[in-house]
Amino acid sequence: MEKKNLAGLTRNGHASGNARSAKVHNAQQRVHDAMNRGEIKKPSKCSRCGKSGKLEASHNSYSDRLNITWLCPSCHRKDNKKKPKS
């Protein structure tokens, strides 16, 4: 089991579960709020494969909360597997 320091990071520098959950939630909330204000509009097709249907906001960085790519759930899962946990 990895030990956590006071900054919410594990010894190897990854965000602990609680710190990561808070970042994810805050990023999702910012996107939701921006959509409600009309600042962001969800496209009709996945940016990667072009599939229409349900789309999810994929955050390139949780610190830059509105820097997103709209992906279908399949492409979003693939994208998340490639990203390092932060």
Protein backbone atom coordinates (compact mmCIF):
# COMPACT_ATOMS: atom_id res chain seq x y z
CA MET A 1 0.00 0.00 0.00
CA GLU A 2 1.34 3.43 -0.94
CA LYS A 3 1.77 6.08 1.71
CA LYS A 4 0.22 9.48 1.12
CA ASN A 5 1.83 12.80 1.90
CA LEU A 6 0.00 15.90 3.10
CA ALA A 7 -0.52 17.23 -0.45
CA GLY A 8 -2.81 14.28 -1.28
CA LEU A 9 -0.18 12.62 -3.45
CA THR A 10 1.18 9.13 -3.15
CA ARG A 11 4.93 8.63 -2.83
CA ASN A 12 5.24 8.13 -6.60
CA GLY A 13 3.59 11.51 -7.27
CA HIS A 14 0.13 10.33 -8.34
CA ALA A 15 -2.96 11.91 -6.84
CA SER A 16 -4.57 9.91 -4.08
CA GLY A 17 -8.11 8.67 -4.66
CA ASN A 18 -9.75 11.50 -2.72
CA ALA A 19 -7.62 14.24 -4.28
CA ARG A 20 -8.21 12.83 -7.78
CA SER A 21 -11.95 12.48 -7.17
CA ALA A 22 -12.17 16.13 -6.12
CA LYS A 23 -10.27 17.26 -9.24
CA VAL A 24 -12.50 15.17 -11.49
CA HIS A 25 -15.69 16.42 -9.83
CA ASN A 26 -14.57 20.08 -10.04
CA ALA A 27 -13.66 19.70 -13.72
CA GLN A 28 -17.00 18.04 -14.52
CA GLN A 29 -18.87 20.77 -12.67
CA ARG A 30 -17.05 23.53 -14.58
CA VAL A 31 -17.98 21.93 -17.92
CA HIS A 32 -21.60 21.49 -16.81
CA ASP A 33 -21.82 25.13 -15.68
CA ALA A 34 -20.20 26.40 -18.90
CA MET A 35 -22.70 24.38 -20.95
CA ASN A 36 -25.61 25.84 -18.96
CA ARG A 37 -24.28 29.36 -19.65
CA GLY A 38 -23.96 28.57 -23.36
CA GLU A 39 -20.16 28.93 -23.34
CA ILE A 40 -19.63 25.32 -24.47
CA LYS A 41 -21.79 23.37 -26.87
CA LYS A 42 -21.62 19.60 -27.10
CA PRO A 43 -21.11 18.45 -30.70
CA SER A 44 -23.22 15.71 -32.25
CA LYS A 45 -20.33 13.34 -33.06
CA CYS A 46 -17.27 11.88 -31.33
CA SER A 47 -14.12 13.87 -32.11
CA ARG A 48 -12.13 10.65 -32.65
CA CYS A 49 -14.33 8.09 -34.42
CA GLY A 50 -17.23 10.25 -35.63
CA LYS A 51 -19.86 8.11 -33.91
CA SER A 52 -23.03 9.96 -32.94
CA GLY A 53 -24.91 9.34 -29.72
CA LYS A 54 -23.83 9.78 -26.11
CA LEU A 55 -20.71 11.93 -25.78
CA GLU A 56 -18.52 12.59 -22.76
CA ALA A 57 -16.16 15.45 -22.02
CA SER A 58 -12.60 14.12 -21.87
CA HIS A 59 -10.36 16.47 -19.92
CA ASN A 60 -6.87 16.87 -21.31
CA SER A 61 -5.82 18.19 -17.90
CA TYR A 62 -7.94 18.57 -14.79
CA SER A 63 -6.11 21.81 -13.99
CA ASP A 64 -7.30 23.31 -17.31
CA ARG A 65 -10.92 22.33 -16.72
CA LEU A 66 -12.45 23.65 -19.91
CA ASN A 67 -9.81 22.17 -22.24
CA ILE A 68 -11.91 19.18 -23.31
CA THR A 69 -12.41 16.81 -26.20
CA TRP A 70 -15.85 15.32 -26.82
CA LEU A 71 -15.62 11.53 -27.09
CA CYS A 72 -18.00 8.59 -27.23
CA PRO A 73 -17.74 6.30 -24.16
CA SER A 74 -15.59 3.77 -26.06
CA CYS A 75 -13.04 6.36 -27.21
CA HIS A 76 -13.10 7.99 -23.76
CA ARG A 77 -12.17 4.69 -22.08
CA LYS A 78 -9.34 4.14 -24.57
CA ASP A 79 -8.14 7.71 -24.03
CA ASN A 80 -8.12 7.33 -20.24
CA LYS A 81 -6.06 4.14 -20.44
CA LYS A 82 -3.33 6.06 -22.30
CA LYS A 83 -3.20 8.96 -19.82
CA PRO A 84 -1.02 8.81 -16.72
CA LYS A 85 -2.92 9.15 -13.45
CA SER A 86 -2.45 12.63 -12.03
